[in-house]
ModelCIF file with pLDDT and N, C-alpha, C, O atoms, coordinates in Angstrom:
data_MODEL
#
_entry.id   MODEL 
#
_entity.id                         1 
_entity.type                       polymer 
_entity.pdbx_number_of_molecules   1 
#
_entity_poly.entity_id                      1 
_entity_poly.type                           'polypeptide(L)' 
_entity_poly.nstd_linkage                   no 
_entity_poly.nstd_monomer                   no 
_entity_poly.pdbx_seq_one_letter_code       
;(UNK)(UNK)(UNK)(UNK)(UNK)(UNK)(UNK)(UNK)(UNK)(UNK)(UNK)(UNK)(UNK)(UNK)(UNK)(UNK)
(UNK)(UNK)(UNK)(UNK)(UNK)(UNK)(UNK)(UNK)(UNK)(UNK)(UNK)(UNK)(UNK)(UNK)(UNK)(UNK)
(UNK)(UNK)(UNK)(UNK)(UNK)(UNK)(UNK)(UNK)(UNK)(UNK)(UNK)(UNK)(UNK)(UNK)(UNK)(UNK)
;
_entity_poly.pdbx_seq_one_letter_code_can   XXXXXXXXXXXXXXXXXXXXXXXXXXXXXXXXXXXXXXXXXXXXXXXX 
_entity_poly.pdbx_strand_id                 A 
#
loop_
_entity_poly_seq.entity_id 
_entity_poly_seq.num 
_entity_poly_seq.mon_id 
_entity_poly_seq.hetero 
1 1  UNK n 
1 2  UNK n 
1 3  UNK n 
1 4  UNK n 
1 5  UNK n 
1 6  UNK n 
1 7  UNK n 
1 8  UNK n 
1 9  UNK n 
1 10 UNK n 
1 11 UNK n 
1 12 UNK n 
1 13 UNK n 
1 14 UNK n 
1 15 UNK n 
1 16 UNK n 
1 17 UNK n 
1 18 UNK n 
1 19 UNK n 
1 20 UNK n 
1 21 UNK n 
1 22 UNK n 
1 23 UNK n 
1 24 UNK n 
1 25 UNK n 
1 26 UNK n 
1 27 UNK n 
1 28 UNK n 
1 29 UNK n 
1 30 UNK n 
1 31 UNK n 
1 32 UNK n 
1 33 UNK n 
1 34 UNK n 
1 35 UNK n 
1 36 UNK n 
1 37 UNK n 
1 38 UNK n 
1 39 UNK n 
1 40 UNK n 
1 41 UNK n 
1 42 UNK n 
1 43 UNK n 
1 44 UNK n 
1 45 UNK n 
1 46 UNK n 
1 47 UNK n 
1 48 UNK n 
#
_struct_asym.id          A 
_struct_asym.entity_id   1 
#
loop_
_ma_qa_metric.id 
_ma_qa_metric.mode 
_ma_qa_metric.name 
_ma_qa_metric.software_group_id 
_ma_qa_metric.type 
1 global pLDDT . pLDDT 
2 local  pLDDT . pLDDT 
#
_ma_qa_metric_global.metric_id      1 
_ma_qa_metric_global.metric_value   96.21 
_ma_qa_metric_global.model_id       1 
_ma_qa_metric_global.ordinal_id     1 
#
loop_
_ma_qa_metric_local.label_asym_id 
_ma_qa_metric_local.label_comp_id 
_ma_qa_metric_local.label_seq_id 
_ma_qa_metric_local.metric_id 
_ma_qa_metric_local.metric_value 
_ma_qa_metric_local.model_id 
_ma_qa_metric_local.ordinal_id 
A UNK 1  2 92.00 1 1  
A UNK 2  2 90.00 1 2  
A UNK 3  2 88.00 1 3  
A UNK 4  2 87.00 1 4  
A UNK 5  2 89.00 1 5  
A UNK 6  2 88.00 1 6  
A UNK 7  2 95.00 1 7  
A UNK 8  2 95.00 1 8  
A UNK 9  2 95.00 1 9  
A UNK 10 2 96.00 1 10 
A UNK 11 2 97.00 1 11 
A UNK 12 2 97.00 1 12 
A UNK 13 2 97.00 1 13 
A UNK 14 2 98.00 1 14 
A UNK 15 2 98.00 1 15 
A UNK 16 2 98.00 1 16 
A UNK 17 2 97.00 1 17 
A UNK 18 2 97.00 1 18 
A UNK 19 2 97.00 1 19 
A UNK 20 2 98.00 1 20 
A UNK 21 2 98.00 1 21 
A UNK 22 2 98.00 1 22 
A UNK 23 2 98.00 1 23 
A UNK 24 2 98.00 1 24 
A UNK 25 2 98.00 1 25 
A UNK 26 2 98.00 1 26 
A UNK 27 2 98.00 1 27 
A UNK 28 2 98.00 1 28 
A UNK 29 2 98.00 1 29 
A UNK 30 2 97.00 1 30 
A UNK 31 2 98.00 1 31 
A UNK 32 2 98.00 1 32 
A UNK 33 2 98.00 1 33 
A UNK 34 2 98.00 1 34 
A UNK 35 2 97.00 1 35 
A UNK 36 2 95.00 1 36 
A UNK 37 2 94.00 1 37 
A UNK 38 2 95.00 1 38 
A UNK 39 2 96.00 1 39 
A UNK 40 2 98.00 1 40 
A UNK 41 2 98.00 1 41 
A UNK 42 2 97.00 1 42 
A UNK 43 2 98.00 1 43 
A UNK 44 2 98.00 1 44 
A UNK 45 2 98.00 1 45 
A UNK 46 2 98.00 1 46 
A UNK 47 2 98.00 1 47 
A UNK 48 2 98.00 1 48 
#
loop_
_atom_site.group_PDB 
_atom_site.id 
_atom_site.type_symbol 
_atom_site.label_atom_id 
_atom_site.label_alt_id 
_atom_site.label_comp_id 
_atom_site.label_asym_id 
_atom_site.label_entity_id 
_atom_site.label_seq_id 
_atom_site.pdbx_PDB_ins_code 
_atom_site.Cartn_x 
_atom_site.Cartn_y 
_atom_site.Cartn_z 
_atom_site.occupancy 
_atom_site.B_iso_or_equiv 
_atom_site.pdbx_formal_charge 
_atom_site.auth_seq_id 
_atom_site.auth_comp_id 
_atom_site.auth_asym_id 
_atom_site.auth_atom_id 
_atom_site.pdbx_PDB_model_num 
ATOM 1   N N  . UNK A 1 1  ? 8.286   2.531   -5.230  1.00 92.00 ? 1  UNK A N  1 
ATOM 2   C CA . UNK A 1 1  ? 7.613   3.099   -4.062  1.00 92.00 ? 1  UNK A CA 1 
ATOM 3   C C  . UNK A 1 1  ? 8.301   2.673   -2.766  1.00 92.00 ? 1  UNK A C  1 
ATOM 4   O O  . UNK A 1 1  ? 8.310   3.409   -1.780  1.00 92.00 ? 1  UNK A O  1 
ATOM 5   N N  . UNK A 1 2  ? 8.878   1.468   -2.789  1.00 90.00 ? 2  UNK A N  1 
ATOM 6   C CA . UNK A 1 2  ? 9.477   0.926   -1.564  1.00 90.00 ? 2  UNK A CA 1 
ATOM 7   C C  . UNK A 1 2  ? 10.800  1.594   -1.223  1.00 90.00 ? 2  UNK A C  1 
ATOM 8   O O  . UNK A 1 2  ? 11.334  1.402   -0.130  1.00 90.00 ? 2  UNK A O  1 
ATOM 9   N N  . UNK A 1 3  ? 11.329  2.377   -2.156  1.00 88.00 ? 3  UNK A N  1 
ATOM 10  C CA . UNK A 1 3  ? 12.541  3.149   -1.876  1.00 88.00 ? 3  UNK A CA 1 
ATOM 11  C C  . UNK A 1 3  ? 12.246  4.537   -1.342  1.00 88.00 ? 3  UNK A C  1 
ATOM 12  O O  . UNK A 1 3  ? 13.171  5.295   -1.048  1.00 88.00 ? 3  UNK A O  1 
ATOM 13  N N  . UNK A 1 4  ? 10.961  4.887   -1.210  1.00 87.00 ? 4  UNK A N  1 
ATOM 14  C CA . UNK A 1 4  ? 10.592  6.224   -0.726  1.00 87.00 ? 4  UNK A CA 1 
ATOM 15  C C  . UNK A 1 4  ? 10.517  6.211   0.799   1.00 87.00 ? 4  UNK A C  1 
ATOM 16  O O  . UNK A 1 4  ? 9.454   5.965   1.368   1.00 87.00 ? 4  UNK A O  1 
ATOM 17  N N  . UNK A 1 5  ? 11.625  6.470   1.447   1.00 89.00 ? 5  UNK A N  1 
ATOM 18  C CA . UNK A 1 5  ? 11.647  6.423   2.912   1.00 89.00 ? 5  UNK A CA 1 
ATOM 19  C C  . UNK A 1 5  ? 10.686  7.440   3.513   1.00 89.00 ? 5  UNK A C  1 
ATOM 20  O O  . UNK A 1 5  ? 10.285  7.308   4.670   1.00 89.00 ? 5  UNK A O  1 
ATOM 21  N N  . UNK A 1 6  ? 10.315  8.454   2.735   1.00 88.00 ? 6  UNK A N  1 
ATOM 22  C CA . UNK A 1 6  ? 9.417   9.503   3.210   1.00 88.00 ? 6  UNK A CA 1 
ATOM 23  C C  . UNK A 1 6  ? 8.051   8.928   3.615   1.00 88.00 ? 6  UNK A C  1 
ATOM 24  O O  . UNK A 1 6  ? 7.329   9.537   4.405   1.00 88.00 ? 6  UNK A O  1 
ATOM 25  N N  . UNK A 1 7  ? 7.699   7.749   3.070   1.00 95.00 ? 7  UNK A N  1 
ATOM 26  C CA . UNK A 1 7  ? 6.419   7.125   3.419   1.00 95.00 ? 7  UNK A CA 1 
ATOM 27  C C  . UNK A 1 7  ? 6.521   6.206   4.642   1.00 95.00 ? 7  UNK A C  1 
ATOM 28  O O  . UNK A 1 7  ? 5.503   5.738   5.152   1.00 95.00 ? 7  UNK A O  1 
ATOM 29  N N  . UNK A 1 8  ? 7.739   5.951   5.108   1.00 95.00 ? 8  UNK A N  1 
ATOM 30  C CA . UNK A 1 8  ? 7.909   5.039   6.242   1.00 95.00 ? 8  UNK A CA 1 
ATOM 31  C C  . UNK A 1 8  ? 7.222   5.552   7.501   1.00 95.00 ? 8  UNK A C  1 
ATOM 32  O O  . UNK A 1 8  ? 6.679   4.769   8.280   1.00 95.00 ? 8  UNK A O  1 
ATOM 33  N N  . UNK A 1 9  ? 7.247   6.872   7.701   1.00 95.00 ? 9  UNK A N  1 
ATOM 34  C CA . UNK A 1 9  ? 6.599   7.437   8.888   1.00 95.00 ? 9  UNK A CA 1 
ATOM 35  C C  . UNK A 1 9  ? 5.101   7.150   8.902   1.00 95.00 ? 9  UNK A C  1 
ATOM 36  O O  . UNK A 1 9  ? 4.536   6.822   9.945   1.00 95.00 ? 9  UNK A O  1 
ATOM 37  N N  . UNK A 1 10 ? 4.464   7.274   7.745   1.00 96.00 ? 10 UNK A N  1 
ATOM 38  C CA . UNK A 1 10 ? 3.034   6.976   7.657   1.00 96.00 ? 10 UNK A CA 1 
ATOM 39  C C  . UNK A 1 10 ? 2.776   5.489   7.889   1.00 96.00 ? 10 UNK A C  1 
ATOM 40  O O  . UNK A 1 10 ? 1.794   5.114   8.529   1.00 96.00 ? 10 UNK A O  1 
ATOM 41  N N  . UNK A 1 11 ? 3.656   4.657   7.368   1.00 97.00 ? 11 UNK A N  1 
ATOM 42  C CA . UNK A 1 11 ? 3.499   3.216   7.578   1.00 97.00 ? 11 UNK A CA 1 
ATOM 43  C C  . UNK A 1 11 ? 3.565   2.890   9.073   1.00 97.00 ? 11 UNK A C  1 
ATOM 44  O O  . UNK A 1 11 ? 2.789   2.075   9.573   1.00 97.00 ? 11 UNK A O  1 
ATOM 45  N N  . UNK A 1 12 ? 4.486   3.523   9.770   1.00 97.00 ? 12 UNK A N  1 
ATOM 46  C CA . UNK A 1 12 ? 4.594   3.299   11.230  1.00 97.00 ? 12 UNK A CA 1 
ATOM 47  C C  . UNK A 1 12 ? 3.363   3.835   11.953  1.00 97.00 ? 12 UNK A C  1 
ATOM 48  O O  . UNK A 1 12 ? 2.830   3.186   12.853  1.00 97.00 ? 12 UNK A O  1 
ATOM 49  N N  . UNK A 1 13 ? 2.915   5.026   11.551  1.00 97.00 ? 13 UNK A N  1 
ATOM 50  C CA . UNK A 1 13 ? 1.766   5.669   12.209  1.00 97.00 ? 13 UNK A CA 1 
ATOM 51  C C  . UNK A 1 13 ? 0.528   4.776   12.141  1.00 97.00 ? 13 UNK A C  1 
ATOM 52  O O  . UNK A 1 13 ? -0.188  4.625   13.131  1.00 97.00 ? 13 UNK A O  1 
ATOM 53  N N  . UNK A 1 14 ? 0.278   4.185   10.969  1.00 98.00 ? 14 UNK A N  1 
ATOM 54  C CA . UNK A 1 14 ? -0.945  3.392   10.786  1.00 98.00 ? 14 UNK A CA 1 
ATOM 55  C C  . UNK A 1 14 ? -0.724  1.893   11.012  1.00 98.00 ? 14 UNK A C  1 
ATOM 56  O O  . UNK A 1 14 ? -1.659  1.097   10.929  1.00 98.00 ? 14 UNK A O  1 
ATOM 57  N N  . UNK A 1 15 ? 0.552   1.517   11.306  1.00 98.00 ? 15 UNK A N  1 
ATOM 58  C CA . UNK A 1 15 ? 0.911   0.102   11.481  1.00 98.00 ? 15 UNK A CA 1 
ATOM 59  C C  . UNK A 1 15 ? 0.550   -0.702  10.224  1.00 98.00 ? 15 UNK A C  1 
ATOM 60  O O  . UNK A 1 15 ? -0.024  -1.788  10.301  1.00 98.00 ? 15 UNK A O  1 
ATOM 61  N N  . UNK A 1 16 ? 0.893   -0.147  9.097   1.00 98.00 ? 16 UNK A N  1 
ATOM 62  C CA . UNK A 1 16 ? 0.632   -0.763  7.791   1.00 98.00 ? 16 UNK A CA 1 
ATOM 63  C C  . UNK A 1 16 ? 1.909   -0.732  6.961   1.00 98.00 ? 16 UNK A C  1 
ATOM 64  O O  . UNK A 1 16 ? 2.879   -0.073  7.336   1.00 98.00 ? 16 UNK A O  1 
ATOM 65  N N  . UNK A 1 17 ? 1.914   -1.447  5.827   1.00 97.00 ? 17 UNK A N  1 
ATOM 66  C CA . UNK A 1 17 ? 3.064   -1.383  4.926   1.00 97.00 ? 17 UNK A CA 1 
ATOM 67  C C  . UNK A 1 17 ? 2.961   -0.133  4.055   1.00 97.00 ? 17 UNK A C  1 
ATOM 68  O O  . UNK A 1 17 ? 1.894   0.469   3.935   1.00 97.00 ? 17 UNK A O  1 
ATOM 69  N N  . UNK A 1 18 ? 4.080   0.243   3.454   1.00 97.00 ? 18 UNK A N  1 
ATOM 70  C CA . UNK A 1 18 ? 4.083   1.374   2.525   1.00 97.00 ? 18 UNK A CA 1 
ATOM 71  C C  . UNK A 1 18 ? 3.089   1.106   1.388   1.00 97.00 ? 18 UNK A C  1 
ATOM 72  O O  . UNK A 1 18 ? 2.357   2.005   0.976   1.00 97.00 ? 18 UNK A O  1 
ATOM 73  N N  . UNK A 1 19 ? 3.066   -0.138  0.882   1.00 97.00 ? 19 UNK A N  1 
ATOM 74  C CA . UNK A 1 19 ? 2.138   -0.473  -0.205  1.00 97.00 ? 19 UNK A CA 1 
ATOM 75  C C  . UNK A 1 19 ? 0.695   -0.263  0.234   1.00 97.00 ? 19 UNK A C  1 
ATOM 76  O O  . UNK A 1 19 ? -0.107  0.288   -0.520  1.00 97.00 ? 19 UNK A O  1 
ATOM 77  N N  . UNK A 1 20 ? 0.359   -0.692  1.433   1.00 98.00 ? 20 UNK A N  1 
ATOM 78  C CA . UNK A 1 20 ? -1.019  -0.526  1.917   1.00 98.00 ? 20 UNK A CA 1 
ATOM 79  C C  . UNK A 1 20 ? -1.384  0.950   2.080   1.00 98.00 ? 20 UNK A C  1 
ATOM 80  O O  . UNK A 1 20 ? -2.513  1.350   1.796   1.00 98.00 ? 20 UNK A O  1 
ATOM 81  N N  . UNK A 1 21 ? -0.430  1.750   2.536   1.00 98.00 ? 21 UNK A N  1 
ATOM 82  C CA . UNK A 1 21 ? -0.670  3.195   2.664   1.00 98.00 ? 21 UNK A CA 1 
ATOM 83  C C  . UNK A 1 21 ? -0.979  3.789   1.295   1.00 98.00 ? 21 UNK A C  1 
ATOM 84  O O  . UNK A 1 21 ? -1.933  4.553   1.149   1.00 98.00 ? 21 UNK A O  1 
ATOM 85  N N  . UNK A 1 22 ? -0.169  3.440   0.286   1.00 98.00 ? 22 UNK A N  1 
ATOM 86  C CA . UNK A 1 22 ? -0.344  4.012   -1.051  1.00 98.00 ? 22 UNK A CA 1 
ATOM 87  C C  . UNK A 1 22 ? -1.651  3.548   -1.686  1.00 98.00 ? 22 UNK A C  1 
ATOM 88  O O  . UNK A 1 22 ? -2.347  4.343   -2.317  1.00 98.00 ? 22 UNK A O  1 
ATOM 89  N N  . UNK A 1 23 ? -1.990  2.274   -1.526  1.00 98.00 ? 23 UNK A N  1 
ATOM 90  C CA . UNK A 1 23 ? -3.240  1.766   -2.109  1.00 98.00 ? 23 UNK A CA 1 
ATOM 91  C C  . UNK A 1 23 ? -4.454  2.390   -1.428  1.00 98.00 ? 23 UNK A C  1 
ATOM 92  O O  . UNK A 1 23 ? -5.449  2.696   -2.085  1.00 98.00 ? 23 UNK A O  1 
ATOM 93  N N  . UNK A 1 24 ? -4.372  2.577   -0.118  1.00 98.00 ? 24 UNK A N  1 
ATOM 94  C CA . UNK A 1 24 ? -5.480  3.231   0.590   1.00 98.00 ? 24 UNK A CA 1 
ATOM 95  C C  . UNK A 1 24 ? -5.623  4.690   0.121   1.00 98.00 ? 24 UNK A C  1 
ATOM 96  O O  . UNK A 1 24 ? -6.733  5.204   -0.016  1.00 98.00 ? 24 UNK A O  1 
ATOM 97  N N  . UNK A 1 25 ? -4.497  5.329   -0.116  1.00 98.00 ? 25 UNK A N  1 
ATOM 98  C CA . UNK A 1 25 ? -4.506  6.704   -0.650  1.00 98.00 ? 25 UNK A CA 1 
ATOM 99  C C  . UNK A 1 25 ? -5.204  6.732   -2.009  1.00 98.00 ? 25 UNK A C  1 
ATOM 100 O O  . UNK A 1 25 ? -6.012  7.620   -2.281  1.00 98.00 ? 25 UNK A O  1 
ATOM 101 N N  . UNK A 1 26 ? -4.883  5.745   -2.868  1.00 98.00 ? 26 UNK A N  1 
ATOM 102 C CA . UNK A 1 26 ? -5.577  5.639   -4.163  1.00 98.00 ? 26 UNK A CA 1 
ATOM 103 C C  . UNK A 1 26 ? -7.084  5.651   -3.951  1.00 98.00 ? 26 UNK A C  1 
ATOM 104 O O  . UNK A 1 26 ? -7.791  6.463   -4.547  1.00 98.00 ? 26 UNK A O  1 
ATOM 105 N N  . UNK A 1 27 ? -7.572  4.760   -3.111  1.00 98.00 ? 27 UNK A N  1 
ATOM 106 C CA . UNK A 1 27 ? -9.018  4.587   -2.937  1.00 98.00 ? 27 UNK A CA 1 
ATOM 107 C C  . UNK A 1 27 ? -9.659  5.838   -2.339  1.00 98.00 ? 27 UNK A C  1 
ATOM 108 O O  . UNK A 1 27 ? -10.748 6.240   -2.749  1.00 98.00 ? 27 UNK A O  1 
ATOM 109 N N  . UNK A 1 28 ? -8.985  6.445   -1.376  1.00 98.00 ? 28 UNK A N  1 
ATOM 110 C CA . UNK A 1 28 ? -9.556  7.646   -0.758  1.00 98.00 ? 28 UNK A CA 1 
ATOM 111 C C  . UNK A 1 28 ? -9.565  8.841   -1.715  1.00 98.00 ? 28 UNK A C  1 
ATOM 112 O O  . UNK A 1 28 ? -10.303 9.804   -1.507  1.00 98.00 ? 28 UNK A O  1 
ATOM 113 N N  . UNK A 1 29 ? -8.743  8.770   -2.760  1.00 98.00 ? 29 UNK A N  1 
ATOM 114 C CA . UNK A 1 29 ? -8.771  9.794   -3.814  1.00 98.00 ? 29 UNK A CA 1 
ATOM 115 C C  . UNK A 1 29 ? -9.886  9.507   -4.820  1.00 98.00 ? 29 UNK A C  1 
ATOM 116 O O  . UNK A 1 29 ? -10.090 10.279  -5.758  1.00 98.00 ? 29 UNK A O  1 
ATOM 117 N N  . UNK A 1 30 ? -10.606 8.403   -4.629  1.00 97.00 ? 30 UNK A N  1 
ATOM 118 C CA . UNK A 1 30 ? -11.640 8.029   -5.592  1.00 97.00 ? 30 UNK A CA 1 
ATOM 119 C C  . UNK A 1 30 ? -11.059 7.375   -6.833  1.00 97.00 ? 30 UNK A C  1 
ATOM 120 O O  . UNK A 1 30 ? -11.685 7.377   -7.893  1.00 97.00 ? 30 UNK A O  1 
ATOM 121 N N  . UNK A 1 31 ? -9.850  6.809   -6.701  1.00 98.00 ? 31 UNK A N  1 
ATOM 122 C CA . UNK A 1 31 ? -9.138  6.209   -7.828  1.00 98.00 ? 31 UNK A CA 1 
ATOM 123 C C  . UNK A 1 31 ? -9.182  4.681   -7.685  1.00 98.00 ? 31 UNK A C  1 
ATOM 124 O O  . UNK A 1 31 ? -8.751  4.128   -6.673  1.00 98.00 ? 31 UNK A O  1 
ATOM 125 N N  . UNK A 1 32 ? -9.703  4.019   -8.704  1.00 98.00 ? 32 UNK A N  1 
ATOM 126 C CA . UNK A 1 32 ? -9.666  2.554   -8.738  1.00 98.00 ? 32 UNK A CA 1 
ATOM 127 C C  . UNK A 1 32 ? -8.213  2.121   -8.876  1.00 98.00 ? 32 UNK A C  1 
ATOM 128 O O  . UNK A 1 32 ? -7.430  2.768   -9.572  1.00 98.00 ? 32 UNK A O  1 
ATOM 129 N N  . UNK A 1 33 ? -7.854  1.020   -8.208  1.00 98.00 ? 33 UNK A N  1 
ATOM 130 C CA . UNK A 1 33 ? -6.445  0.620   -8.239  1.00 98.00 ? 33 UNK A CA 1 
ATOM 131 C C  . UNK A 1 33 ? -6.315  -0.879  -8.503  1.00 98.00 ? 33 UNK A C  1 
ATOM 132 O O  . UNK A 1 33 ? -7.118  -1.675  -8.016  1.00 98.00 ? 33 UNK A O  1 
ATOM 133 N N  . UNK A 1 34 ? -5.291  -1.256  -9.282  1.00 98.00 ? 34 UNK A N  1 
ATOM 134 C CA . UNK A 1 34 ? -5.126  -2.657  -9.701  1.00 98.00 ? 34 UNK A CA 1 
ATOM 135 C C  . UNK A 1 34 ? -3.677  -3.104  -9.495  1.00 98.00 ? 34 UNK A C  1 
ATOM 136 O O  . UNK A 1 34 ? -2.969  -3.361  -10.469 1.00 98.00 ? 34 UNK A O  1 
ATOM 137 N N  . UNK A 1 35 ? -3.226  -3.202  -8.230  1.00 97.00 ? 35 UNK A N  1 
ATOM 138 C CA . UNK A 1 35 ? -1.845  -3.632  -8.001  1.00 97.00 ? 35 UNK A CA 1 
ATOM 139 C C  . UNK A 1 35 ? -1.585  -5.001  -8.617  1.00 97.00 ? 35 UNK A C  1 
ATOM 140 O O  . UNK A 1 35 ? -2.393  -5.920  -8.484  1.00 97.00 ? 35 UNK A O  1 
ATOM 141 N N  . UNK A 1 36 ? -0.454  -5.122  -9.289  1.00 95.00 ? 36 UNK A N  1 
ATOM 142 C CA . UNK A 1 36 ? -0.086  -6.372  -9.939  1.00 95.00 ? 36 UNK A CA 1 
ATOM 143 C C  . UNK A 1 36 ? 0.775   -7.211  -8.996  1.00 95.00 ? 36 UNK A C  1 
ATOM 144 O O  . UNK A 1 36 ? 1.732   -6.708  -8.409  1.00 95.00 ? 36 UNK A O  1 
ATOM 145 N N  . UNK A 1 37 ? 0.433   -8.479  -8.855  1.00 94.00 ? 37 UNK A N  1 
ATOM 146 C CA . UNK A 1 37 ? 1.313   -9.397  -8.144  1.00 94.00 ? 37 UNK A CA 1 
ATOM 147 C C  . UNK A 1 37 ? 0.979   -10.823 -8.551  1.00 94.00 ? 37 UNK A C  1 
ATOM 148 O O  . UNK A 1 37 ? -0.156  -11.131 -8.913  1.00 94.00 ? 37 UNK A O  1 
ATOM 149 N N  . UNK A 1 38 ? 1.982   -11.688 -8.487  1.00 95.00 ? 38 UNK A N  1 
ATOM 150 C CA . UNK A 1 38 ? 1.743   -13.122 -8.676  1.00 95.00 ? 38 UNK A CA 1 
ATOM 151 C C  . UNK A 1 38 ? 2.130   -13.881 -7.409  1.00 95.00 ? 38 UNK A C  1 
ATOM 152 O O  . UNK A 1 38 ? 2.203   -15.110 -7.412  1.00 95.00 ? 38 UNK A O  1 
ATOM 153 N N  . UNK A 1 39 ? 2.379   -13.140 -6.320  1.00 96.00 ? 39 UNK A N  1 
ATOM 154 C CA . UNK A 1 39 ? 2.767   -13.761 -5.048  1.00 96.00 ? 39 UNK A CA 1 
ATOM 155 C C  . UNK A 1 39 ? 1.569   -13.786 -4.098  1.00 96.00 ? 39 UNK A C  1 
ATOM 156 O O  . UNK A 1 39 ? 0.924   -12.761 -3.875  1.00 96.00 ? 39 UNK A O  1 
ATOM 157 N N  . UNK A 1 40 ? 1.284   -14.937 -3.554  1.00 98.00 ? 40 UNK A N  1 
ATOM 158 C CA . UNK A 1 40 ? 0.088   -15.123 -2.724  1.00 98.00 ? 40 UNK A CA 1 
ATOM 159 C C  . UNK A 1 40 ? 0.050   -14.149 -1.545  1.00 98.00 ? 40 UNK A C  1 
ATOM 160 O O  . UNK A 1 40 ? -0.977  -13.521 -1.288  1.00 98.00 ? 40 UNK A O  1 
ATOM 161 N N  . UNK A 1 41 ? 1.155   -14.027 -0.841  1.00 98.00 ? 41 UNK A N  1 
ATOM 162 C CA . UNK A 1 41 ? 1.168   -13.158 0.351   1.00 98.00 ? 41 UNK A CA 1 
ATOM 163 C C  . UNK A 1 41 ? 1.003   -11.689 -0.027  1.00 98.00 ? 41 UNK A C  1 
ATOM 164 O O  . UNK A 1 41 ? 0.351   -10.935 0.696   1.00 98.00 ? 41 UNK A O  1 
ATOM 165 N N  . UNK A 1 42 ? 1.585   -11.275 -1.153  1.00 97.00 ? 42 UNK A N  1 
ATOM 166 C CA . UNK A 1 42 ? 1.452   -9.879  -1.591  1.00 97.00 ? 42 UNK A CA 1 
ATOM 167 C C  . UNK A 1 42 ? 0.014   -9.589  -2.025  1.00 97.00 ? 42 UNK A C  1 
ATOM 168 O O  . UNK A 1 42 ? -0.529  -8.524  -1.731  1.00 97.00 ? 42 UNK A O  1 
ATOM 169 N N  . UNK A 1 43 ? -0.592  -10.542 -2.723  1.00 98.00 ? 43 UNK A N  1 
ATOM 170 C CA . UNK A 1 43 ? -1.994  -10.380 -3.142  1.00 98.00 ? 43 UNK A CA 1 
ATOM 171 C C  . UNK A 1 43 ? -2.879  -10.211 -1.902  1.00 98.00 ? 43 UNK A C  1 
ATOM 172 O O  . UNK A 1 43 ? -3.783  -9.376  -1.877  1.00 98.00 ? 43 UNK A O  1 
ATOM 173 N N  . UNK A 1 44 ? -2.604  -11.009 -0.890  1.00 98.00 ? 44 UNK A N  1 
ATOM 174 C CA . UNK A 1 44 ? -3.379  -10.916 0.363   1.00 98.00 ? 44 UNK A CA 1 
ATOM 175 C C  . UNK A 1 44 ? -3.117  -9.582  1.060   1.00 98.00 ? 44 UNK A C  1 
ATOM 176 O O  . UNK A 1 44 ? -4.053  -8.914  1.498   1.00 98.00 ? 44 UNK A O  1 
ATOM 177 N N  . UNK A 1 45 ? -1.864  -9.201  1.159   1.00 98.00 ? 45 UNK A N  1 
ATOM 178 C CA . UNK A 1 45 ? -1.487  -7.956  1.831   1.00 98.00 ? 45 UNK A CA 1 
ATOM 179 C C  . UNK A 1 45 ? -2.072  -6.731  1.126   1.00 98.00 ? 45 UNK A C  1 
ATOM 180 O O  . UNK A 1 45 ? -2.502  -5.778  1.775   1.00 98.00 ? 45 UNK A O  1 
ATOM 181 N N  . UNK A 1 46 ? -2.081  -6.768  -0.222  1.00 98.00 ? 46 UNK A N  1 
ATOM 182 C CA . UNK A 1 46 ? -2.604  -5.631  -0.986  1.00 98.00 ? 46 UNK A CA 1 
ATOM 183 C C  . UNK A 1 46 ? -4.089  -5.416  -0.774  1.00 98.00 ? 46 UNK A C  1 
ATOM 184 O O  . UNK A 1 46 ? -4.617  -4.349  -1.088  1.00 98.00 ? 46 UNK A O  1 
ATOM 185 N N  . UNK A 1 47 ? -4.767  -6.423  -0.242  1.00 98.00 ? 47 UNK A N  1 
ATOM 186 C CA . UNK A 1 47 ? -6.211  -6.309  0.003   1.00 98.00 ? 47 UNK A CA 1 
ATOM 187 C C  . UNK A 1 47 ? -6.526  -5.913  1.438   1.00 98.00 ? 47 UNK A C  1 
ATOM 188 O O  . UNK A 1 47 ? -7.689  -5.716  1.788   1.00 98.00 ? 47 UNK A O  1 
ATOM 189 N N  . UNK A 1 48 ? -5.503  -5.797  2.263   1.00 98.00 ? 48 UNK A N  1 
ATOM 190 C CA . UNK A 1 48 ? -5.718  -5.504  3.692   1.00 98.00 ? 48 UNK A CA 1 
ATOM 191 C C  . UNK A 1 48 ? -5.757  -3.983  3.898   1.00 98.00 ? 48 UNK A C  1 
ATOM 192 O O  . UNK A 1 48 ? -5.927  -3.517  5.024   1.00 98.00 ? 48 UNK A O  1 
#
């Protein structure tokens, strides 16, 4: 997902990361989402 430059514009528009844009899209579609990470900062960021 991080190689999809097409999402960079949305990330700039909302002042969010590409991952946050995609996860928010999941939720707004009514889709439960379970991003995998073992990194503390990524786990925190994925919840923002």
